[in-house]
Amino acid sequence: MAKDTEKKASKQANNSSKNKKKPNKVARWFKDFRGEIKKIFWPDGKTVFKNTLIVIIVVAIAAAVIWLFDLGMSSGMDAVKSAGSKYKESHSKSDSAGNTETSEQALTTIAATE
């Protein structure tokens, strides 16, 4: 009988530990989240305005530098294209009919006649 009483007591102890609610993981996460949010240092409006102004100025300067670089590269490419077309015009051959022929076409014609 003593053994039966001991078994019942141990079963009741096991059941009572099982019946205790386990902490809800989602609720625990929100509780921890709330605690972490309280630790954050939130700047005042003046600091936010000053930092925003600095970011806008830095972005404007970077945009101006990129724009100037792009402008220079575009002008350089236009100069190269212009020089190439002038070179092509100066090295073309005119026949008696006024037809112009590039040096490549002239070499092809000469090679074909030989």
Protein backbone atom coordinates (compact mmCIF):
# COMPACT_ATOMS: atom_id res chain seq x y z
CA MET A 1 0.00 0.00 0.00
CA ALA A 2 2.83 2.35 0.72
CA LYS A 3 4.11 1.65 -2.75
CA ASP A 4 0.74 2.58 -4.26
CA THR A 5 0.71 5.84 -2.36
CA GLU A 6 4.23 6.67 -3.50
CA LYS A 7 3.32 5.90 -7.12
CA LYS A 8 0.25 8.14 -6.95
CA ALA A 9 2.29 10.97 -5.43
CA SER A 10 4.95 10.71 -8.11
CA LYS A 11 2.29 10.63 -10.86
CA GLN A 12 0.63 13.73 -9.43
CA ALA A 13 3.98 15.52 -9.29
CA ASN A 14 4.67 14.62 -12.92
CA ASN A 15 1.19 15.72 -14.01
CA SER A 16 1.43 19.03 -12.19
CA SER A 17 4.74 19.83 -13.90
CA LYS A 18 3.21 18.95 -17.27
CA ASN A 19 0.16 21.11 -16.61
CA LYS A 20 2.28 24.19 -16.00
CA LYS A 21 2.08 26.40 -19.05
CA LYS A 22 5.19 26.67 -21.14
CA PRO A 23 5.99 30.27 -22.00
CA ASN A 24 4.60 31.20 -25.38
CA LYS A 25 7.50 31.83 -27.77
CA VAL A 26 5.72 34.61 -29.66
CA ALA A 27 4.74 36.42 -26.47
CA ARG A 28 8.30 36.06 -25.19
CA TRP A 29 9.65 37.47 -28.44
CA PHE A 30 7.42 40.57 -28.19
CA LYS A 31 8.40 41.05 -24.56
CA ASP A 32 12.10 40.90 -25.48
CA PHE A 33 11.49 43.17 -28.47
CA ARG A 34 9.81 45.76 -26.25
CA GLY A 35 12.76 45.64 -23.86
CA GLU A 36 15.23 46.17 -26.70
CA ILE A 37 13.24 49.09 -28.11
CA LYS A 38 13.43 50.80 -24.73
CA LYS A 39 17.23 50.60 -24.88
CA ILE A 40 17.44 52.51 -28.18
CA PHE A 41 18.62 56.12 -28.04
CA TRP A 42 16.21 58.16 -30.11
CA PRO A 43 17.67 61.48 -31.37
CA ASP A 44 15.79 64.73 -31.05
CA GLY A 45 14.31 66.61 -34.02
CA LYS A 46 17.22 69.03 -34.35
CA THR A 47 19.74 66.20 -34.69
CA VAL A 48 17.57 64.39 -37.24
CA PHE A 49 17.22 67.59 -39.30
CA LYS A 50 20.98 68.24 -39.19
CA ASN A 51 21.85 64.68 -40.25
CA THR A 52 19.23 64.73 -43.02
CA LEU A 53 20.69 67.99 -44.35
CA ILE A 54 24.19 66.49 -44.36
CA VAL A 55 22.97 63.45 -46.31
CA ILE A 56 21.21 65.63 -48.89
CA ILE A 57 24.35 67.75 -49.38
CA VAL A 58 26.62 64.72 -49.78
CA VAL A 59 24.22 63.14 -52.30
CA ALA A 60 24.05 66.41 -54.27
CA ILE A 61 27.87 66.65 -54.38
CA ALA A 62 28.17 63.02 -55.51
CA ALA A 63 25.53 63.61 -58.21
CA ALA A 64 27.41 66.71 -59.45
CA VAL A 65 30.70 64.79 -59.64
CA ILE A 66 29.06 61.94 -61.57
CA TRP A 67 27.33 64.41 -63.89
CA LEU A 68 30.61 66.22 -64.62
CA PHE A 69 32.37 62.92 -65.28
CA ASP A 70 29.58 61.87 -67.63
CA LEU A 71 29.66 65.22 -69.40
CA GLY A 72 33.43 64.94 -69.90
CA MET A 73 33.20 61.39 -71.20
CA SER A 74 30.37 62.31 -73.58
CA SER A 75 32.35 65.27 -74.92
CA GLY A 76 35.40 63.07 -75.32
CA MET A 77 33.43 60.44 -77.22
CA ASP A 78 31.92 63.12 -79.47
CA ALA A 79 35.42 64.42 -80.19
CA VAL A 80 36.64 60.93 -81.08
CA LYS A 81 33.62 60.36 -83.35
CA SER A 82 34.16 63.73 -85.03
CA ALA A 83 37.85 63.03 -85.56
CA GLY A 84 37.01 59.61 -86.99
CA SER A 85 34.53 61.01 -89.48
CA LYS A 86 36.99 63.74 -90.52
CA TYR A 87 39.69 61.09 -90.99
CA LYS A 88 37.31 58.98 -93.05
CA GLU A 89 36.41 61.98 -95.25
CA SER A 90 40.04 62.97 -95.80
CA HIS A 91 41.03 59.45 -96.81
CA SER A 92 38.23 58.83 -99.28
CA LYS A 93 38.93 58.77 -103.04
CA SER A 94 36.78 60.61 -105.59
CA ASP A 95 36.40 59.41 -109.12
CA SER A 96 35.56 61.54 -112.14
CA ALA A 97 31.82 61.15 -111.59
CA GLY A 98 32.10 62.63 -108.10
CA ASN A 99 31.41 59.35 -106.34
CA THR A 100 33.42 59.00 -103.19
CA GLU A 101 35.00 55.76 -102.22
CA THR A 102 36.58 54.90 -98.90
CA SER A 103 40.12 53.61 -98.77
CA GLU A 104 38.82 50.15 -97.90
CA GLN A 105 36.56 50.11 -100.96
CA ALA A 106 39.42 51.36 -103.10
CA LEU A 107 41.72 48.59 -101.88
CA THR A 108 39.01 46.02 -102.53
CA THR A 109 38.54 47.36 -106.05
CA ILE A 110 42.28 47.35 -106.74
CA ALA A 111 42.65 43.81 -105.39
CA ALA A 112 39.74 42.62 -107.54
CA THR A 113 41.21 44.11 -110.77
CA GLU A 114 44.61 42.52 -110.28
